């Protein structure tokens, strides 16, 4: 039997817009009968990957930090939602560190993300601040790891959920277009999860 569980990973160091939107997506999945788990980088110590190959040799990461809280959460999930704020036109340093550090998980099991379904949420302070570039970077991470990437489809959510926060929680809550893109993406995410269970 397939474990109907979704892992949400928030790449924002602040409890603001990005975590709020990701929580809304996870709530929607709970309404559809899924168990969800939220992992946030907020308050965590996750160092960048050193590309030292220790994980290849020893089957574990040499950096003993809070990434070890995340590694076991990948197991037995059917889908992953990654959410990032926009930093200088792309993903946050924190979500990039998370993606890079999964190299250690792949060293243990190269298929640890294979056949899972993945969607992306990007939240920028500007309407056109780099959200699509950030989404593409996470979708590329999914593709490289055998995860099925899901967007919201044409006409409003071409790559994934895209928000304009105006640098505030209030701004993101008022972004009707952002929520339309989120709803479309969550809907397709659910469709793919249902099809590939």
N, C-alpha and C. Protein backbone atom coordinates (compact mmCIF):
# COMPACT_ATOMS: atom_id res chain seq x y z
N UNK A 1 0.83 -1.19 0.00
CA UNK A 1 0.00 0.00 0.00
C UNK A 1 0.88 1.25 0.00
N UNK A 2 0.49 2.23 -0.81
CA UNK A 2 1.27 3.46 -0.92
C UNK A 2 1.04 4.34 0.30
N UNK A 3 2.13 4.87 0.83
CA UNK A 3 2.05 5.79 1.96
C UNK A 3 1.64 7.15 1.44
N UNK A 4 0.44 7.60 1.77
CA UNK A 4 -0.06 8.89 1.29
C UNK A 4 0.49 10.00 2.18
N UNK A 5 1.77 10.30 1.96
CA UNK A 5 2.42 11.30 2.79
C UNK A 5 3.14 12.29 1.90
N UNK A 6 3.05 13.57 2.27
CA UNK A 6 3.67 14.66 1.54
C UNK A 6 4.66 15.36 2.46
N UNK A 7 5.86 15.61 1.94
CA UNK A 7 6.88 16.35 2.67
C UNK A 7 6.97 17.76 2.10
N UNK A 8 6.77 18.75 2.94
CA UNK A 8 6.94 20.14 2.55
C UNK A 8 8.26 20.65 3.11
N UNK A 9 9.08 21.25 2.25
CA UNK A 9 10.37 21.79 2.68
C UNK A 9 10.37 23.29 2.43
N UNK A 10 10.45 24.06 3.50
CA UNK A 10 10.45 25.52 3.40
C UNK A 10 11.88 26.04 3.46
N UNK A 11 12.28 26.75 2.42
CA UNK A 11 13.64 27.26 2.33
C UNK A 11 13.80 28.69 2.80
N UNK A 12 12.90 29.15 3.66
CA UNK A 12 13.01 30.52 4.18
C UNK A 12 13.49 30.50 5.63
N UNK A 13 14.44 31.36 5.97
CA UNK A 13 14.89 31.44 7.36
C UNK A 13 13.94 32.24 8.24
N UNK A 14 12.89 32.80 7.64
CA UNK A 14 11.92 33.59 8.41
C UNK A 14 10.55 32.91 8.42
N UNK A 15 9.80 33.11 9.47
CA UNK A 15 8.42 32.61 9.52
C UNK A 15 7.53 33.71 8.94
N UNK A 16 7.50 33.74 7.62
CA UNK A 16 6.75 34.79 6.94
C UNK A 16 5.99 34.20 5.78
N UNK A 17 6.07 34.86 4.64
CA UNK A 17 5.23 34.54 3.49
C UNK A 17 5.44 33.14 2.94
N UNK A 18 6.69 32.73 2.76
CA UNK A 18 6.96 31.43 2.13
C UNK A 18 6.43 30.28 2.97
N UNK A 19 6.68 30.33 4.26
CA UNK A 19 6.19 29.26 5.14
C UNK A 19 4.66 29.26 5.19
N UNK A 20 4.06 30.45 5.16
CA UNK A 20 2.59 30.55 5.17
C UNK A 20 2.00 29.87 3.93
N UNK A 21 2.55 30.19 2.76
CA UNK A 21 2.01 29.64 1.51
C UNK A 21 2.21 28.13 1.47
N UNK A 22 3.38 27.65 1.88
CA UNK A 22 3.62 26.21 1.91
C UNK A 22 2.64 25.52 2.85
N UNK A 23 2.39 26.13 4.00
CA UNK A 23 1.42 25.55 4.95
C UNK A 23 0.02 25.47 4.33
N UNK A 24 -0.35 26.48 3.54
CA UNK A 24 -1.64 26.45 2.85
C UNK A 24 -1.70 25.27 1.87
N UNK A 25 -0.60 25.04 1.14
CA UNK A 25 -0.56 23.91 0.21
C UNK A 25 -0.67 22.58 0.95
N UNK A 26 0.04 22.46 2.06
CA UNK A 26 -0.02 21.23 2.84
C UNK A 26 -1.41 21.02 3.43
N UNK A 27 -2.06 22.10 3.85
CA UNK A 27 -3.44 22.00 4.36
C UNK A 27 -4.37 21.47 3.28
N UNK A 28 -4.17 21.95 2.05
CA UNK A 28 -5.00 21.47 0.93
C UNK A 28 -4.80 19.98 0.71
N UNK A 29 -3.56 19.52 0.85
CA UNK A 29 -3.30 18.09 0.66
C UNK A 29 -3.89 17.27 1.80
N UNK A 30 -3.89 17.82 3.00
CA UNK A 30 -4.53 17.12 4.12
C UNK A 30 -6.03 16.97 3.87
N UNK A 31 -6.64 17.99 3.30
CA UNK A 31 -8.07 17.92 2.96
C UNK A 31 -8.34 16.83 1.92
N UNK A 32 -7.33 16.47 1.14
CA UNK A 32 -7.47 15.43 0.13
C UNK A 32 -7.09 14.05 0.69
N UNK A 33 -6.83 13.99 1.99
CA UNK A 33 -6.58 12.71 2.64
C UNK A 33 -5.12 12.33 2.82
N UNK A 34 -4.22 13.28 2.61
CA UNK A 34 -2.80 12.99 2.76
C UNK A 34 -2.30 13.40 4.13
N UNK A 35 -1.34 12.65 4.62
CA UNK A 35 -0.59 13.04 5.81
C UNK A 35 0.52 13.97 5.34
N UNK A 36 0.80 15.02 6.09
CA UNK A 36 1.85 15.95 5.66
C UNK A 36 2.85 16.18 6.78
N UNK A 37 4.05 16.56 6.36
CA UNK A 37 5.10 16.93 7.32
C UNK A 37 5.79 18.17 6.78
N UNK A 38 5.97 19.16 7.64
CA UNK A 38 6.66 20.39 7.27
C UNK A 38 8.05 20.40 7.88
N UNK A 39 9.04 20.58 7.02
CA UNK A 39 10.41 20.80 7.47
C UNK A 39 10.79 22.21 7.05
N UNK A 40 11.23 23.01 7.99
CA UNK A 40 11.66 24.36 7.67
C UNK A 40 13.13 24.54 8.03
N UNK A 41 13.82 25.33 7.21
CA UNK A 41 15.21 25.63 7.50
C UNK A 41 15.32 26.68 8.61
N UNK A 42 14.20 27.30 8.94
CA UNK A 42 14.21 28.36 9.96
C UNK A 42 14.75 27.82 11.29
N UNK A 43 15.76 28.49 11.81
CA UNK A 43 16.36 28.08 13.07
C UNK A 43 17.27 26.88 12.98
N UNK A 44 17.51 26.40 11.76
CA UNK A 44 18.34 25.21 11.58
C UNK A 44 19.74 25.60 11.13
N UNK A 45 20.67 24.72 11.40
CA UNK A 45 22.04 24.87 10.93
C UNK A 45 22.27 23.84 9.84
N UNK A 46 22.26 24.31 8.58
CA UNK A 46 22.50 23.43 7.43
C UNK A 46 23.61 24.05 6.60
N UNK A 47 24.77 23.46 6.70
CA UNK A 47 25.94 23.99 5.99
C UNK A 47 25.91 23.62 4.51
N UNK A 48 26.59 24.40 3.69
CA UNK A 48 26.67 24.06 2.27
C UNK A 48 27.47 22.76 2.07
N UNK A 49 27.16 22.07 0.98
CA UNK A 49 27.90 20.87 0.61
C UNK A 49 29.34 21.24 0.29
N UNK A 50 30.27 20.40 0.74
CA UNK A 50 31.70 20.63 0.46
C UNK A 50 32.18 19.87 -0.77
N UNK A 51 31.31 19.00 -1.31
CA UNK A 51 31.68 18.16 -2.45
C UNK A 51 32.98 17.41 -2.19
N UNK A 52 33.11 16.93 -0.96
CA UNK A 52 34.35 16.29 -0.52
C UNK A 52 34.39 14.79 -0.82
N UNK A 53 33.22 14.24 -1.23
CA UNK A 53 33.08 12.81 -1.55
C UNK A 53 33.13 11.89 -0.34
N UNK A 54 33.10 12.47 0.86
CA UNK A 54 33.05 11.63 2.06
C UNK A 54 31.80 10.75 2.02
N UNK A 55 30.69 11.31 1.57
CA UNK A 55 29.44 10.54 1.53
C UNK A 55 29.52 9.38 0.54
N UNK A 56 30.26 9.56 -0.54
CA UNK A 56 30.42 8.49 -1.51
C UNK A 56 31.20 7.33 -0.89
N UNK A 57 32.22 7.67 -0.13
CA UNK A 57 33.06 6.63 0.49
C UNK A 57 32.41 6.00 1.72
N UNK A 58 31.80 6.84 2.57
CA UNK A 58 31.34 6.37 3.88
C UNK A 58 29.82 6.20 4.01
N UNK A 59 29.09 6.61 2.97
CA UNK A 59 27.62 6.48 2.95
C UNK A 59 26.93 7.30 4.03
N UNK A 60 27.55 8.43 4.36
CA UNK A 60 26.94 9.41 5.24
C UNK A 60 27.64 10.74 5.02
N UNK A 61 26.97 11.82 5.39
CA UNK A 61 27.56 13.14 5.22
C UNK A 61 28.54 13.44 6.35
N UNK A 62 29.66 14.03 6.01
CA UNK A 62 30.66 14.39 7.01
C UNK A 62 30.18 15.54 7.91
N UNK A 63 29.25 16.34 7.40
CA UNK A 63 28.74 17.50 8.15
C UNK A 63 27.60 17.06 9.05
N UNK A 64 27.83 17.00 10.32
CA UNK A 64 26.83 16.53 11.28
C UNK A 64 26.03 17.73 11.78
N UNK A 65 25.02 18.10 11.03
CA UNK A 65 24.21 19.26 11.38
C UNK A 65 22.74 18.91 11.24
N UNK A 66 21.89 19.91 11.11
CA UNK A 66 20.44 19.67 11.12
C UNK A 66 19.91 19.02 9.85
N UNK A 67 20.74 18.84 8.85
CA UNK A 67 20.31 18.10 7.67
C UNK A 67 19.95 16.66 8.05
N UNK A 68 20.54 16.18 9.14
CA UNK A 68 20.22 14.82 9.59
C UNK A 68 18.78 14.70 10.11
N UNK A 69 18.12 15.82 10.38
CA UNK A 69 16.68 15.78 10.69
C UNK A 69 15.86 15.55 9.43
N UNK A 70 16.39 16.04 8.29
CA UNK A 70 15.64 15.95 7.04
C UNK A 70 15.83 14.62 6.33
N UNK A 71 17.02 14.07 6.35
CA UNK A 71 17.28 12.84 5.59
C UNK A 71 16.22 11.75 5.79
N UNK A 72 15.85 11.41 7.03
CA UNK A 72 14.87 10.32 7.18
C UNK A 72 13.47 10.69 6.71
N UNK A 73 13.18 11.98 6.58
CA UNK A 73 11.84 12.41 6.17
C UNK A 73 11.56 12.11 4.70
N UNK A 74 12.61 11.94 3.90
CA UNK A 74 12.41 11.61 2.49
C UNK A 74 11.85 10.20 2.30
N UNK A 75 12.12 9.37 3.30
CA UNK A 75 11.70 7.97 3.20
C UNK A 75 10.18 7.86 3.30
N UNK A 76 9.61 7.04 2.44
CA UNK A 76 8.19 6.72 2.50
C UNK A 76 7.26 7.90 2.24
N UNK A 77 7.73 8.95 1.58
CA UNK A 77 6.81 10.00 1.14
C UNK A 77 6.50 9.79 -0.33
N UNK A 78 5.30 10.15 -0.69
CA UNK A 78 4.88 10.01 -2.08
C UNK A 78 5.17 11.28 -2.88
N UNK A 79 5.12 12.42 -2.20
CA UNK A 79 5.32 13.68 -2.88
C UNK A 79 6.11 14.68 -2.05
N UNK A 80 6.71 15.64 -2.75
CA UNK A 80 7.53 16.68 -2.10
C UNK A 80 7.10 18.04 -2.63
N UNK A 81 6.93 18.99 -1.73
CA UNK A 81 6.69 20.38 -2.12
C UNK A 81 7.84 21.20 -1.56
N UNK A 82 8.62 21.81 -2.45
CA UNK A 82 9.69 22.70 -2.02
C UNK A 82 9.23 24.14 -2.23
N UNK A 83 9.46 24.96 -1.23
CA UNK A 83 9.08 26.37 -1.31
C UNK A 83 10.29 27.23 -1.00
N UNK A 84 10.51 28.26 -1.81
CA UNK A 84 11.66 29.13 -1.61
C UNK A 84 11.27 30.59 -1.73
N UNK A 85 11.85 31.43 -0.88
CA UNK A 85 11.78 32.86 -1.14
C UNK A 85 12.81 33.17 -2.24
N UNK A 86 12.69 34.33 -2.85
CA UNK A 86 13.63 34.72 -3.89
C UNK A 86 14.77 35.52 -3.29
N UNK A 87 15.98 35.04 -3.54
CA UNK A 87 17.21 35.72 -3.13
C UNK A 87 17.97 36.10 -4.40
N UNK A 88 18.14 37.38 -4.65
CA UNK A 88 18.91 37.83 -5.81
C UNK A 88 18.51 37.14 -7.11
N UNK A 89 17.21 37.04 -7.33
CA UNK A 89 16.70 36.51 -8.58
C UNK A 89 16.69 35.00 -8.69
N UNK A 90 16.88 34.29 -7.58
CA UNK A 90 16.87 32.82 -7.63
C UNK A 90 16.50 32.22 -6.30
N UNK A 91 16.84 30.95 -6.11
CA UNK A 91 16.49 30.25 -4.87
C UNK A 91 17.27 30.82 -3.69
N UNK A 92 16.76 30.56 -2.50
CA UNK A 92 17.46 30.99 -1.29
C UNK A 92 18.72 30.14 -1.09
N UNK A 93 19.68 30.69 -0.40
CA UNK A 93 20.90 29.94 -0.07
C UNK A 93 20.54 28.69 0.72
N UNK A 94 19.51 28.80 1.56
CA UNK A 94 19.14 27.68 2.43
C UNK A 94 18.56 26.51 1.64
N UNK A 95 17.68 26.79 0.68
CA UNK A 95 17.09 25.67 -0.08
C UNK A 95 18.14 25.08 -1.02
N UNK A 96 19.06 25.92 -1.49
CA UNK A 96 20.16 25.40 -2.32
C UNK A 96 21.04 24.47 -1.51
N UNK A 97 21.31 24.83 -0.27
CA UNK A 97 22.11 23.95 0.59
C UNK A 97 21.39 22.63 0.81
N UNK A 98 20.07 22.68 1.03
CA UNK A 98 19.29 21.44 1.20
C UNK A 98 19.42 20.57 -0.04
N UNK A 99 19.21 21.15 -1.21
CA UNK A 99 19.29 20.37 -2.45
C UNK A 99 20.69 19.76 -2.61
N UNK A 100 21.71 20.57 -2.40
CA UNK A 100 23.08 20.07 -2.58
C UNK A 100 23.43 18.99 -1.57
N UNK A 101 22.95 19.12 -0.36
CA UNK A 101 23.27 18.16 0.69
C UNK A 101 22.55 16.82 0.52
N UNK A 102 21.56 16.76 -0.36
CA UNK A 102 20.91 15.46 -0.61
C UNK A 102 21.86 14.51 -1.35
N UNK A 103 23.00 15.03 -1.78
CA UNK A 103 24.01 14.17 -2.39
C UNK A 103 24.36 12.99 -1.47
N UNK A 104 24.36 13.26 -0.18
CA UNK A 104 24.67 12.19 0.78
C UNK A 104 23.56 11.13 0.80
N UNK A 105 22.31 11.56 0.66
CA UNK A 105 21.22 10.59 0.61
C UNK A 105 21.31 9.76 -0.66
N UNK A 106 21.68 10.41 -1.77
CA UNK A 106 21.84 9.68 -3.03
C UNK A 106 23.02 8.72 -2.98
N UNK A 107 24.04 9.06 -2.19
CA UNK A 107 25.18 8.16 -2.05
C UNK A 107 24.79 6.86 -1.36
N UNK A 108 23.80 6.94 -0.49
CA UNK A 108 23.29 5.75 0.20
C UNK A 108 22.32 4.98 -0.70
N UNK A 109 21.43 5.73 -1.38
CA UNK A 109 20.42 5.14 -2.27
C UNK A 109 20.20 6.10 -3.43
N UNK A 110 20.77 5.78 -4.56
CA UNK A 110 20.69 6.66 -5.73
C UNK A 110 19.24 6.93 -6.15
N UNK A 111 18.33 6.06 -5.76
CA UNK A 111 16.92 6.19 -6.14
C UNK A 111 16.04 6.76 -5.02
N UNK A 112 16.63 7.46 -4.06
CA UNK A 112 15.86 7.89 -2.89
C UNK A 112 14.72 8.85 -3.24
N UNK A 113 14.81 9.54 -4.37
CA UNK A 113 13.73 10.44 -4.80
C UNK A 113 13.01 9.96 -6.07
N UNK A 114 13.44 8.82 -6.58
CA UNK A 114 12.89 8.33 -7.85
C UNK A 114 11.41 7.99 -7.73
N UNK A 115 10.66 8.44 -8.72
CA UNK A 115 9.22 8.20 -8.87
C UNK A 115 8.35 8.93 -7.85
N UNK A 116 8.93 9.77 -7.03
CA UNK A 116 8.11 10.64 -6.19
C UNK A 116 7.64 11.79 -7.08
N UNK A 117 6.62 12.50 -6.63
CA UNK A 117 6.08 13.63 -7.39
C UNK A 117 6.49 14.91 -6.68
N UNK A 118 6.96 15.90 -7.44
CA UNK A 118 7.43 17.14 -6.82
C UNK A 118 6.81 18.39 -7.42
N UNK A 119 6.46 19.33 -6.56
CA UNK A 119 5.99 20.64 -7.02
C UNK A 119 6.79 21.72 -6.31
N UNK A 120 6.67 22.96 -6.84
CA UNK A 120 7.48 24.07 -6.34
C UNK A 120 6.60 25.29 -6.09
N UNK A 121 6.97 26.03 -5.04
CA UNK A 121 6.37 27.33 -4.74
C UNK A 121 7.52 28.34 -4.62
N UNK A 122 7.38 29.48 -5.30
CA UNK A 122 8.38 30.55 -5.19
C UNK A 122 7.68 31.84 -4.78
N UNK A 123 8.27 32.54 -3.82
CA UNK A 123 7.68 33.77 -3.28
C UNK A 123 8.71 34.89 -3.38
N UNK A 124 8.36 35.92 -4.16
CA UNK A 124 9.26 37.04 -4.35
C UNK A 124 8.68 38.35 -3.84
N UNK A 125 9.55 39.23 -3.42
CA UNK A 125 9.12 40.55 -2.98
C UNK A 125 8.64 41.42 -4.12
N UNK A 126 9.10 41.12 -5.33
CA UNK A 126 8.66 41.80 -6.55
C UNK A 126 7.83 40.84 -7.38
N UNK A 127 6.94 41.38 -8.19
CA UNK A 127 6.11 40.52 -9.03
C UNK A 127 6.98 39.72 -10.00
N UNK A 128 7.96 40.36 -10.59
CA UNK A 128 8.87 39.68 -11.50
C UNK A 128 10.26 39.78 -10.87
N UNK A 129 10.52 38.93 -9.88
CA UNK A 129 11.75 39.04 -9.12
C UNK A 129 12.70 37.87 -9.27
N UNK A 130 12.32 36.89 -10.11
CA UNK A 130 13.15 35.70 -10.27
C UNK A 130 12.42 34.42 -9.92
N UNK A 131 11.10 34.50 -9.72
CA UNK A 131 10.34 33.32 -9.32
C UNK A 131 10.47 32.17 -10.33
N UNK A 132 10.35 32.49 -11.62
CA UNK A 132 10.42 31.41 -12.61
C UNK A 132 11.81 30.76 -12.65
N UNK A 133 12.85 31.56 -12.50
CA UNK A 133 14.21 30.99 -12.46
C UNK A 133 14.39 30.08 -11.26
N UNK A 134 13.86 30.50 -10.12
CA UNK A 134 13.95 29.68 -8.91
C UNK A 134 13.17 28.38 -9.08
N UNK A 135 11.97 28.49 -9.63
CA UNK A 135 11.15 27.29 -9.86
C UNK A 135 11.88 26.33 -10.78
N UNK A 136 12.45 26.86 -11.87
CA UNK A 136 13.18 26.00 -12.81
C UNK A 136 14.36 25.30 -12.15
N UNK A 137 15.03 25.99 -11.23
CA UNK A 137 16.17 25.37 -10.56
C UNK A 137 15.72 24.18 -9.71
N UNK A 138 14.61 24.33 -9.02
CA UNK A 138 14.11 23.22 -8.21
C UNK A 138 13.55 22.11 -9.09
N UNK A 139 12.86 22.47 -10.18
CA UNK A 139 12.37 21.45 -11.11
C UNK A 139 13.54 20.66 -11.70
N UNK A 140 14.64 21.33 -11.99
CA UNK A 140 15.84 20.65 -12.48
C UNK A 140 16.38 19.67 -11.44
N UNK A 141 16.37 20.09 -10.18
CA UNK A 141 16.78 19.19 -9.09
C UNK A 141 15.90 17.94 -9.09
N UNK A 142 14.59 18.13 -9.25
CA UNK A 142 13.69 16.97 -9.31
C UNK A 142 14.05 16.06 -10.48
N UNK A 143 14.21 16.65 -11.66
CA UNK A 143 14.51 15.86 -12.85
C UNK A 143 15.80 15.06 -12.67
N UNK A 144 16.83 15.69 -12.14
CA UNK A 144 18.11 15.01 -11.94
C UNK A 144 18.00 13.83 -11.00
N UNK A 145 17.04 13.88 -10.08
CA UNK A 145 16.89 12.82 -9.08
C UNK A 145 15.74 11.86 -9.37
N UNK A 146 15.17 11.95 -10.56
CA UNK A 146 14.13 11.00 -10.95
C UNK A 146 12.77 11.29 -10.36
N UNK A 147 12.59 12.49 -9.82
CA UNK A 147 11.30 12.91 -9.29
C UNK A 147 10.44 13.44 -10.44
N UNK A 148 9.17 13.14 -10.42
CA UNK A 148 8.26 13.61 -11.47
C UNK A 148 7.90 15.06 -11.17
N UNK A 149 8.36 16.03 -12.00
CA UNK A 149 8.08 17.44 -11.74
C UNK A 149 6.68 17.82 -12.23
N UNK A 150 5.96 18.55 -11.40
CA UNK A 150 4.60 18.94 -11.75
C UNK A 150 4.46 20.45 -11.66
N UNK A 151 3.84 21.02 -12.69
CA UNK A 151 3.52 22.45 -12.68
C UNK A 151 2.01 22.59 -12.57
N UNK A 152 1.55 23.82 -12.61
CA UNK A 152 0.11 24.06 -12.59
C UNK A 152 -0.51 24.03 -13.97
N UNK A 153 0.31 23.88 -15.00
CA UNK A 153 -0.19 23.82 -16.36
C UNK A 153 -0.31 25.20 -16.98
N UNK A 154 -0.73 25.25 -18.24
CA UNK A 154 -0.80 26.52 -18.96
C UNK A 154 -1.86 27.46 -18.41
N UNK A 155 -1.71 28.71 -18.77
CA UNK A 155 -2.66 29.76 -18.42
C UNK A 155 -2.68 30.08 -16.93
N UNK A 156 -1.54 30.53 -16.43
CA UNK A 156 -1.54 31.04 -15.06
C UNK A 156 -0.59 30.40 -14.09
N UNK A 157 -0.13 29.19 -14.41
CA UNK A 157 0.79 28.53 -13.49
C UNK A 157 1.70 27.59 -14.28
N UNK A 158 2.35 28.15 -15.28
CA UNK A 158 3.08 27.35 -16.25
C UNK A 158 4.15 26.46 -15.63
N UNK A 159 4.86 26.96 -14.64
CA UNK A 159 5.95 26.18 -14.03
C UNK A 159 5.64 25.73 -12.62
N UNK A 160 4.84 26.50 -11.91
CA UNK A 160 4.52 26.18 -10.52
C UNK A 160 3.86 27.36 -9.86
N UNK A 161 3.70 27.29 -8.56
CA UNK A 161 3.03 28.37 -7.82
C UNK A 161 3.97 29.55 -7.66
N UNK A 162 3.49 30.73 -7.98
CA UNK A 162 4.32 31.93 -8.07
C UNK A 162 3.64 33.07 -7.33
N UNK A 163 4.30 33.56 -6.28
CA UNK A 163 3.70 34.60 -5.43
C UNK A 163 4.49 35.90 -5.44
N UNK A 164 3.75 36.98 -5.24
CA UNK A 164 4.31 38.31 -5.05
C UNK A 164 3.93 38.75 -3.65
N UNK A 165 4.90 38.81 -2.75
CA UNK A 165 4.61 39.08 -1.34
C UNK A 165 4.65 40.56 -0.98
N UNK A 166 5.26 41.37 -1.87
CA UNK A 166 5.52 42.78 -1.51
C UNK A 166 6.31 42.84 -0.20
N UNK A 167 7.11 41.83 0.03
CA UNK A 167 7.97 41.72 1.22
C UNK A 167 7.20 41.72 2.54
N UNK A 168 6.00 41.13 2.52
CA UNK A 168 5.24 41.06 3.77
C UNK A 168 4.27 39.88 3.73
N UNK A 169 3.90 39.40 4.89
CA UNK A 169 2.89 38.36 4.99
C UNK A 169 1.55 38.87 4.49
N UNK A 170 1.23 40.10 4.81
CA UNK A 170 -0.01 40.71 4.33
C UNK A 170 -0.06 40.73 2.80
N UNK A 171 1.07 41.07 2.19
CA UNK A 171 1.13 41.12 0.73
C UNK A 171 0.85 39.78 0.09
N UNK A 172 1.43 38.71 0.64
CA UNK A 172 1.22 37.39 0.05
C UNK A 172 -0.23 36.94 0.25
N UNK A 173 -0.82 37.27 1.39
CA UNK A 173 -2.21 36.89 1.64
C UNK A 173 -3.17 37.57 0.67
N UNK A 174 -2.76 38.74 0.16
CA UNK A 174 -3.60 39.50 -0.77
C UNK A 174 -3.32 39.19 -2.23
N UNK A 175 -2.39 38.29 -2.50
CA UNK A 175 -2.02 37.98 -3.88
C UNK A 175 -2.97 36.94 -4.49
N UNK A 176 -4.05 37.42 -5.07
CA UNK A 176 -5.06 36.52 -5.64
C UNK A 176 -4.48 35.68 -6.78
N UNK A 177 -3.65 36.29 -7.62
CA UNK A 177 -3.04 35.54 -8.73
C UNK A 177 -2.13 34.45 -8.19
N UNK A 178 -1.42 34.76 -7.12
CA UNK A 178 -0.56 33.77 -6.50
C UNK A 178 -1.35 32.56 -6.03
N UNK A 179 -2.48 32.82 -5.37
CA UNK A 179 -3.29 31.70 -4.88
C UNK A 179 -3.96 30.94 -6.02
N UNK A 180 -4.26 31.64 -7.11
CA UNK A 180 -4.80 30.93 -8.27
C UNK A 180 -3.73 29.97 -8.81
N UNK A 181 -2.47 30.44 -8.87
CA UNK A 181 -1.40 29.55 -9.34
C UNK A 181 -1.16 28.41 -8.36
N UNK A 182 -1.29 28.68 -7.07
CA UNK A 182 -1.12 27.62 -6.07
C UNK A 182 -2.21 26.57 -6.20
N UNK A 183 -3.45 27.02 -6.32
CA UNK A 183 -4.57 26.07 -6.43
C UNK A 183 -4.44 25.20 -7.66
N UNK A 184 -4.03 25.80 -8.79
CA UNK A 184 -3.85 25.01 -10.01
C UNK A 184 -2.72 24.00 -9.85
N UNK A 185 -1.64 24.42 -9.21
CA UNK A 185 -0.49 23.52 -9.05
C UNK A 185 -0.82 22.39 -8.09
N UNK A 186 -1.47 22.72 -6.99
CA UNK A 186 -1.87 21.68 -6.02
C UNK A 186 -2.82 20.68 -6.68
N UNK A 187 -3.72 21.18 -7.51
CA UNK A 187 -4.68 20.29 -8.18
C UNK A 187 -3.95 19.29 -9.07
N UNK A 188 -2.99 19.77 -9.87
CA UNK A 188 -2.25 18.86 -10.76
C UNK A 188 -1.33 17.95 -9.96
N UNK A 189 -0.74 18.47 -8.90
CA UNK A 189 0.09 17.67 -8.01
C UNK A 189 -0.71 16.48 -7.49
N UNK A 190 -1.93 16.75 -7.04
CA UNK A 190 -2.81 15.69 -6.54
C UNK A 190 -3.15 14.70 -7.64
N UNK A 191 -3.42 15.19 -8.84
CA UNK A 191 -3.75 14.32 -9.97
C UNK A 191 -2.60 13.37 -10.27
N UNK A 192 -1.37 13.89 -10.26
CA UNK A 192 -0.21 13.05 -10.53
C UNK A 192 0.02 12.05 -9.40
N UNK A 193 -0.14 12.48 -8.17
CA UNK A 193 0.01 11.57 -7.04
C UNK A 193 -0.99 10.42 -7.14
N UNK A 194 -2.21 10.75 -7.52
CA UNK A 194 -3.25 9.74 -7.63
C UNK A 194 -2.95 8.77 -8.78
N UNK A 195 -2.44 9.30 -9.87
CA UNK A 195 -2.16 8.46 -11.04
C UNK A 195 -0.97 7.53 -10.81
N UNK A 196 0.06 8.03 -10.12
CA UNK A 196 1.29 7.25 -9.98
C UNK A 196 1.44 6.60 -8.62
N UNK A 197 0.33 6.45 -7.88
CA UNK A 197 0.43 5.81 -6.57
C UNK A 197 0.75 4.32 -6.70
